[in-house]
Amino acid sequence: MVKVIIDKEKIRDMLFMCGIEQMEIMASLFR
């Protein structure tokens, strides 16, 4: 049960980091 919660946190962190990378890529394209 605890492992699932940790995995969810990891997935959320990974998605958050990917989102930041995507935004940086978009920003560099529009610059």
PDB file of N, CA and C in Angstrom:
ATOM      1  N   MET A   1       0.848  -1.205   0.000  1.00  0.00           N
ATOM      2  CA  MET A   1       0.000   0.000   0.000  1.00  0.00           C
ATOM      3  C   MET A   1       0.884   1.256   0.000  1.00  0.00           C
ATOM      4  N   VAL A   2       1.871   1.278   0.891  1.00  0.00           N
ATOM      5  CA  VAL A   2       2.775   2.433   0.957  1.00  0.00           C
ATOM      6  C   VAL A   2       3.549   2.564  -0.347  1.00  0.00           C
ATOM      7  N   LYS A   3       3.943   1.422  -0.932  1.00  0.00           N
ATOM      8  CA  LYS A   3       4.723   1.446  -2.175  1.00  0.00           C
ATOM      9  C   LYS A   3       3.930   2.109  -3.294  1.00  0.00           C
ATOM     10  N   VAL A   4       2.636   1.852  -3.349  1.00  0.00           N
ATOM     11  CA  VAL A   4       1.797   2.452  -4.392  1.00  0.00           C
ATOM     12  C   VAL A   4       1.794   3.967  -4.250  1.00  0.00           C
ATOM     13  N   ILE A   5       1.672   4.446  -3.009  1.00  0.00           N
ATOM     14  CA  ILE A   5       1.657   5.897  -2.771  1.00  0.00           C
ATOM     15  C   ILE A   5       2.987   6.502  -3.218  1.00  0.00           C
ATOM     16  N   ILE A   6       4.099   5.833  -2.878  1.00  0.00           N
ATOM     17  CA  ILE A   6       5.421   6.330  -3.276  1.00  0.00           C
ATOM     18  C   ILE A   6       5.521   6.361  -4.794  1.00  0.00           C
ATOM     19  N   ASP A   7       5.035   5.306  -5.464  1.00  0.00           N
ATOM     20  CA  ASP A   7       5.073   5.262  -6.926  1.00  0.00           C
ATOM     21  C   ASP A   7       4.267   6.416  -7.508  1.00  0.00           C
ATOM     22  N   LYS A   8       3.117   6.697  -6.927  1.00  0.00           N
ATOM     23  CA  LYS A   8       2.291   7.810  -7.422  1.00  0.00           C
ATOM     24  C   LYS A   8       3.050   9.120  -7.292  1.00  0.00           C
ATOM     25  N   GLU A   9       3.734   9.311  -6.165  1.00  0.00           N
ATOM     26  CA  GLU A   9       4.520  10.535  -5.959  1.00  0.00           C
ATOM     27  C   GLU A   9       5.635  10.605  -6.993  1.00  0.00           C
ATOM     28  N   LYS A  10       6.307   9.459  -7.238  1.00  0.00           N
ATOM     29  CA  LYS A  10       7.393   9.430  -8.228  1.00  0.00           C
ATOM     30  C   LYS A  10       6.858   9.789  -9.601  1.00  0.00           C
ATOM     31  N   ILE A  11       5.727   9.184  -9.982  1.00  0.00           N
ATOM     32  CA  ILE A  11       5.135   9.446 -11.298  1.00  0.00           C
ATOM     33  C   ILE A  11       4.774  10.922 -11.418  1.00  0.00           C
ATOM     34  N   ARG A  12       4.191  11.481 -10.353  1.00  0.00           N
ATOM     35  CA  ARG A  12       3.800  12.899 -10.384  1.00  0.00           C
ATOM     36  C   ARG A  12       5.048  13.769 -10.540  1.00  0.00           C
ATOM     37  N   ASP A  13       6.123  13.439  -9.803  1.00  0.00           N
ATOM     38  CA  ASP A  13       7.370  14.208  -9.919  1.00  0.00           C
ATOM     39  C   ASP A  13       7.926  14.101 -11.333  1.00  0.00           C
ATOM     40  N   MET A  14       7.891  12.885 -11.913  1.00  0.00           N
ATOM     41  CA  MET A  14       8.403  12.691 -13.274  1.00  0.00           C
ATOM     42  C   MET A  14       7.587  13.512 -14.268  1.00  0.00           C
ATOM     43  N   LEU A  15       6.264  13.474 -14.135  1.00  0.00           N
ATOM     44  CA  LEU A  15       5.408  14.251 -15.043  1.00  0.00           C
ATOM     45  C   LEU A  15       5.673  15.741 -14.876  1.00  0.00           C
ATOM     46  N   PHE A  16       5.871  16.172 -13.633  1.00  0.00           N
ATOM     47  CA  PHE A  16       6.145  17.584 -13.354  1.00  0.00           C
ATOM     48  C   PHE A  16       7.452  18.004 -14.026  1.00  0.00           C
ATOM     49  N   MET A  17       8.499  17.167 -13.880  1.00  0.00           N
ATOM     50  CA  MET A  17       9.795  17.468 -14.496  1.00  0.00           C
ATOM     51  C   MET A  17       9.668  17.482 -16.014  1.00  0.00           C
ATOM     52  N   CYS A  18       8.938  16.516 -16.584  1.00  0.00           N
ATOM     53  CA  CYS A  18       8.739  16.480 -18.039  1.00  0.00           C
ATOM     54  C   CYS A  18       8.000  17.731 -18.485  1.00  0.00           C
ATOM     55  N   GLY A  19       7.031  18.167 -17.711  1.00  0.00           N
ATOM     56  CA  GLY A  19       6.276  19.370 -18.048  1.00  0.00           C
ATOM     57  C   GLY A  19       7.184  20.588 -18.083  1.00  0.00           C
ATOM     58  N   ILE A  20       8.092  20.682 -17.102  1.00  0.00           N
ATOM     59  CA  ILE A  20       9.028  21.810 -17.068  1.00  0.00           C
ATOM     60  C   ILE A  20       9.928  21.758 -18.299  1.00  0.00           C
ATOM     61  N   GLU A  21      10.417  20.564 -18.648  1.00  0.00           N
ATOM     62  CA  GLU A  21      11.281  20.423 -19.824  1.00  0.00           C
ATOM     63  C   GLU A  21      10.531  20.834 -21.079  1.00  0.00           C
ATOM     64  N   GLN A  22       9.279  20.406 -21.203  1.00  0.00           N
ATOM     65  CA  GLN A  22       8.472  20.764 -22.370  1.00  0.00           C
ATOM     66  C   GLN A  22       8.320  22.274 -22.463  1.00  0.00           C
ATOM     67  N   MET A  23       8.049  22.928 -21.332  1.00  0.00           N
ATOM     68  CA  MET A  23       7.872  24.384 -21.325  1.00  0.00           C
ATOM     69  C   MET A  23       9.171  25.077 -21.733  1.00  0.00           C
ATOM     70  N   GLU A  24      10.306  24.564 -21.243  1.00  0.00           N
ATOM     71  CA  GLU A  24      11.604  25.159 -21.595  1.00  0.00           C
ATOM     72  C   GLU A  24      11.863  24.996 -23.087  1.00  0.00           C
ATOM     73  N   ILE A  25      11.534  23.826 -23.644  1.00  0.00           N
ATOM     74  CA  ILE A  25      11.719  23.594 -25.085  1.00  0.00           C
ATOM     75  C   ILE A  25      10.850  24.561 -25.879  1.00  0.00           C
ATOM     76  N   MET A  26       9.591  24.703 -25.478  1.00  0.00           N
ATOM     77  CA  MET A  26       8.681  25.621 -26.177  1.00  0.00           C
ATOM     78  C   MET A  26       9.210  27.049 -26.086  1.00  0.00           C
ATOM     79  N   ALA A  27       9.675  27.451 -24.912  1.00  0.00           N
ATOM     80  CA  ALA A  27      10.195  28.810 -24.721  1.00  0.00           C
ATOM     81  C   ALA A  27      11.403  29.044 -25.625  1.00  0.00           C
ATOM     82  N   SER A  28      12.291  28.059 -25.718  1.00  0.00           N
ATOM     83  CA  SER A  28      13.489  28.224 -26.551  1.00  0.00           C
ATOM     84  C   SER A  28      13.104  28.294 -28.025  1.00  0.00           C
ATOM     85  N   LEU A  29      12.034  27.588 -28.411  1.00  0.00           N
ATOM     86  CA  LEU A  29      11.589  27.620 -29.812  1.00  0.00           C
ATOM     87  C   LEU A  29      11.029  28.990 -30.162  1.00  0.00           C
ATOM     88  N   PHE A  30      10.284  29.592 -29.237  1.00  0.00           N
ATOM     89  CA  PHE A  30       9.642  30.886 -29.520  1.00  0.00           C
ATOM     90  C   PHE A  30      10.607  32.060 -29.359  1.00  0.00           C
ATOM     91  N   ARG A  31      11.787  31.797 -28.741  1.00  0.00           N
ATOM     92  CA  ARG A  31      12.713  32.896 -28.499  1.00  0.00           C
ATOM     93  C   ARG A  31      13.389  33.340 -29.790  1.00  0.00           C
TER      94      ARG A  31
END
